Protein backbone atom coordinates (compact mmCIF):
# COMPACT_ATOMS: atom_id res chain seq x y z
CA ALA A 1 11.69 -70.05 37.90
CA PRO A 2 15.02 -69.77 39.79
CA GLY A 3 17.79 -67.27 38.74
CA THR A 4 15.17 -65.31 36.50
CA SER A 5 13.57 -61.96 37.57
CA THR A 6 10.27 -61.38 36.95
CA PRO A 7 8.55 -57.57 36.47
CA SER A 8 7.14 -56.07 40.11
CA ALA A 9 3.93 -55.35 40.37
CA SER A 10 4.02 -51.82 39.68
CA HIS A 11 5.16 -52.61 36.34
CA CYS A 12 2.61 -52.86 33.17
CA TRP A 13 2.21 -54.93 30.47
CA HIS A 14 0.77 -53.51 27.23
CA ARG A 15 0.51 -55.51 24.62
CA GLY A 16 2.71 -57.96 25.42
CA VAL A 17 5.38 -55.18 25.96
CA PRO A 18 6.43 -54.39 29.78
CA ARG A 19 6.40 -50.87 30.79
CA GLU A 20 8.30 -49.19 33.67
CA PRO A 21 6.10 -47.47 36.19
CA GLY A 22 5.83 -43.66 35.21
CA ALA A 23 6.50 -44.44 31.40
CA HIS A 24 4.76 -42.57 28.53
CA TRP A 25 4.78 -43.16 25.34
CA MET A 26 2.34 -42.62 21.91
CA GLU A 27 -0.21 -45.33 20.43
CA PRO A 28 -1.11 -45.38 17.09
CA GLY A 29 -4.44 -42.93 16.46
CA CYS A 30 -2.67 -40.20 18.72
CA ARG A 31 -3.15 -41.59 22.18
CA ASN A 32 -0.94 -40.34 24.78
CA CYS A 33 -0.54 -43.77 27.42
CA SER A 34 1.44 -43.79 31.03
CA CYS A 35 2.12 -46.57 33.19
CA GLN A 36 1.11 -45.54 36.46
CA GLY A 37 0.51 -48.07 39.62
CA GLY A 38 0.67 -51.16 37.49
CA ARG A 39 -1.84 -50.08 35.25
CA VAL A 40 -2.13 -48.46 32.03
CA LEU A 41 -3.89 -45.34 31.42
CA CYS A 42 -4.56 -43.85 28.10
CA GLU A 43 -6.10 -40.74 26.66
CA ALA A 44 -6.68 -38.68 23.54
CA THR A 45 -3.52 -36.16 22.60
CA SER A 46 -4.91 -32.59 22.88
CA CYS A 47 -3.32 -30.17 20.68
CA SER A 48 -3.14 -26.33 21.54
CA VAL A 49 -2.32 -24.63 18.67
CA PRO A 50 -1.64 -21.02 18.84
CA CYS A 51 -1.93 -20.09 15.20
CA SER A 52 -5.00 -19.45 12.83
CA HIS A 53 -3.47 -21.42 9.92
CA PRO A 54 -1.85 -24.48 10.95
CA LEU A 55 -0.58 -27.15 8.57
CA PRO A 56 -2.02 -30.19 8.89
CA ALA A 57 -0.09 -32.50 11.32
CA PRO A 58 3.31 -34.20 9.40
CA ALA A 59 3.13 -38.06 8.86
CA GLY A 60 3.73 -40.00 12.24
CA GLY A 61 2.62 -36.86 14.26
CA CYS A 62 -0.59 -35.74 16.08
CA CYS A 63 -1.14 -31.99 16.23
CA PRO A 64 -1.05 -29.32 13.51
CA SER A 65 2.02 -27.46 13.24
CA CYS A 66 2.40 -23.51 13.07
CA ALA A 67 5.71 -23.64 10.96
CA GLY A 68 3.84 -23.03 7.78
CA CYS A 69 -0.04 -22.08 6.87
CA LEU A 70 -2.57 -23.77 5.38
CA HIS A 71 -4.72 -20.71 3.26
CA GLU A 72 -7.61 -21.52 0.86
CA GLY A 73 -6.45 -25.34 0.62
CA VAL A 74 -2.67 -24.35 -0.31
CA ALA A 75 0.25 -25.36 2.17
CA ARG A 76 2.28 -21.98 2.07
CA ALA A 77 6.14 -21.81 3.97
CA GLU A 78 6.99 -19.76 6.80
CA GLY A 79 7.46 -16.43 5.29
CA ASP A 80 5.93 -16.56 2.07
CA VAL A 81 4.29 -13.85 0.37
CA PHE A 82 1.67 -14.51 -1.95
CA SER A 83 -1.83 -13.22 -3.70
CA SER A 84 -5.31 -13.69 -2.16
CA SER A 85 -7.76 -15.69 -4.54
CA ASP A 86 -10.09 -13.18 -4.77
CA GLY A 87 -8.11 -11.14 -7.54
CA ASN A 88 -8.39 -7.56 -6.19
CA CYS A 89 -4.47 -7.65 -5.68
CA THR A 90 -4.53 -8.09 -1.86
CA ILE A 91 -1.33 -9.40 -0.54
CA CYS A 92 -0.80 -12.14 1.94
CA ILE A 93 1.98 -13.19 4.23
CA CYS A 94 2.19 -16.49 6.29
CA LEU A 95 3.89 -15.58 9.58
CA ALA A 96 3.92 -18.31 12.42
CA GLY A 97 1.06 -20.31 11.29
CA ASN A 98 -0.87 -17.16 10.88
CA VAL A 99 -1.83 -15.64 7.70
CA SER A 100 -2.09 -11.75 7.26
CA CYS A 101 -3.74 -10.05 4.55
CA LEU A 102 -3.37 -6.56 2.96
CA SER A 103 -5.23 -4.60 0.59
CA PRO A 104 -3.91 -1.92 -1.65
CA GLU A 105 -4.51 1.80 -0.54
CA CYS A 106 -5.70 3.56 -3.66
CA PRO A 107 -5.14 7.45 -4.12
CA PRO A 108 -7.79 9.87 -4.10
CA GLY A 109 -8.53 11.01 -7.83
CA SER A 110 -7.42 8.85 -11.07
CA CYS A 111 -5.23 5.85 -11.03
CA PRO A 112 -2.01 5.81 -12.60
CA SER A 113 -2.06 3.60 -15.91
CA ALA A 114 0.28 1.31 -15.02
CA SER A 115 -1.73 -0.20 -11.86
CA PRO A 116 -4.06 -2.80 -12.89
CA PRO A 117 -7.81 -2.01 -13.47
CA ASP A 118 -8.98 -4.43 -10.69
CA CYS A 119 -6.81 -3.05 -7.91
CA CYS A 120 -8.66 0.43 -7.15
CA SER A 121 -11.99 1.30 -7.69
CA CYS A 122 -10.89 4.63 -8.98
CA GLN A 123 -12.51 8.30 -9.36
CA PRO A 124 -11.70 9.96 -12.54
CA ALA A 125 -10.09 13.25 -12.34
CA LYS A 126 -12.74 16.27 -12.22
CA CYS A 127 -11.91 19.25 -14.39
CA SER A 128 -11.43 22.79 -13.69
CA PHE A 129 -12.44 25.29 -16.64
CA ARG A 130 -13.07 29.03 -16.24
CA GLY A 131 -14.05 29.04 -12.92
CA HIS A 132 -16.24 25.93 -12.96
CA THR A 133 -15.51 22.73 -11.81
CA TYR A 134 -17.31 19.54 -14.08
CA ALA A 135 -17.30 15.71 -13.52
CA HIS A 136 -15.50 13.18 -15.48
CA GLY A 137 -17.03 12.73 -18.86
CA ALA A 138 -19.31 15.97 -18.85
CA ARG A 139 -20.10 17.99 -21.99
CA PHE A 140 -20.93 21.78 -21.65
CA SER A 141 -20.90 24.85 -23.61
CA PRO A 142 -18.48 27.51 -22.10
CA ASP A 143 -19.93 30.82 -20.92
CA GLY A 144 -23.13 30.00 -23.03
CA ASP A 145 -21.12 30.06 -26.61
CA ASP A 146 -23.32 27.20 -28.11
CA CYS A 147 -21.10 26.69 -30.98
CA THR A 148 -18.47 25.05 -28.55
CA THR A 149 -18.78 21.56 -27.51
CA CYS A 150 -16.24 20.81 -24.38
CA ILE A 151 -15.68 17.70 -22.70
CA CYS A 152 -14.37 16.71 -19.47
CA GLN A 153 -11.65 13.34 -19.87
CA GLY A 154 -9.93 12.46 -16.69
CA GLY A 155 -8.87 15.98 -15.62
CA GLU A 156 -8.24 17.59 -19.18
CA VAL A 157 -10.70 19.90 -21.37
CA GLU A 158 -11.04 19.10 -24.92
CA CYS A 159 -13.29 21.86 -27.07
CA SER A 160 -14.20 21.68 -30.23
CA PHE A 161 -16.54 23.64 -32.45
CA ALA A 162 -19.98 22.47 -33.68
CA PRO A 163 -19.19 20.69 -37.76
CA CYS A 164 -21.13 22.64 -40.13
CA PRO A 165 -22.23 21.66 -43.60
CA VAL A 166 -19.96 22.29 -46.81
CA LEU A 167 -22.02 25.14 -48.74
CA ASP A 168 -21.80 25.14 -52.28
CA CYS A 169 -22.46 28.74 -52.61
CA PRO A 170 -20.02 31.41 -53.54
CA GLN A 171 -18.42 33.54 -50.55
CA HIS A 172 -20.43 36.60 -51.12
CA GLN A 173 -23.39 34.83 -51.17
CA ARG A 174 -22.84 33.16 -47.55
CA HIS A 175 -24.62 34.69 -44.21
CA LEU A 176 -24.15 34.07 -40.64
CA SER A 177 -27.67 34.45 -38.92
CA PRO A 178 -28.09 35.65 -35.48
CA GLY A 179 -28.06 33.05 -32.91
CA HIS A 180 -26.39 30.39 -35.58
CA CYS A 181 -23.05 28.77 -35.19
CA CYS A 182 -22.79 28.05 -39.26
CA PHE A 183 -23.03 30.33 -42.50
CA THR A 184 -26.07 29.60 -44.68
CA CYS A 185 -26.31 30.31 -48.13
CA ARG A 186 -28.33 33.58 -49.17
CA ASP A 187 -30.66 33.42 -51.95
CA PRO A 188 -29.04 34.94 -55.03
CA PRO A 189 -30.29 38.59 -55.85
CA ALA A 190 -33.23 38.60 -58.39
CA PRO A 191 -32.06 39.45 -61.82
CA SER A 192 -32.92 43.21 -62.50
CA GLY A 193 -33.83 44.62 -65.65
């Protein structure tokens, strides 16, 4: 019709909408479209994700985001510090879509008592006693003294004498036999006369 302009042949019509030559736009379903030489060309959006734990694409977006982290199904904000779900005191941090986790380094020997028991696999301290080294929990008699029993507990040695029975004989009738730890009652002397 006279006085009306018509789009030139290099324009594109797409879903009833005219598009300029060289125009780019996004279609639903994350498809990139462009108008080239009067034809509409569409292809699926390719996402290059430079992080290991990206967040899912935001509403209306097509590509995952490295502005936070998705770790074990939980969305984490940038800079969040959190514990891992394995419960062994591992600490994780979200940085630029990447999650880095560190386990605590446990000192050799016994753990400090304030440390939760599942954080470190601790080796109880050994005991040094009279020139000998004993493992935690070891029971021993020092220097062949069978009447004394010692135990190594977390680096400390505790010794005690063997328990002896309570005797019901008078003091002058008590006797310590060689090689024994406890006194026994001697038989009373036979009456004379």
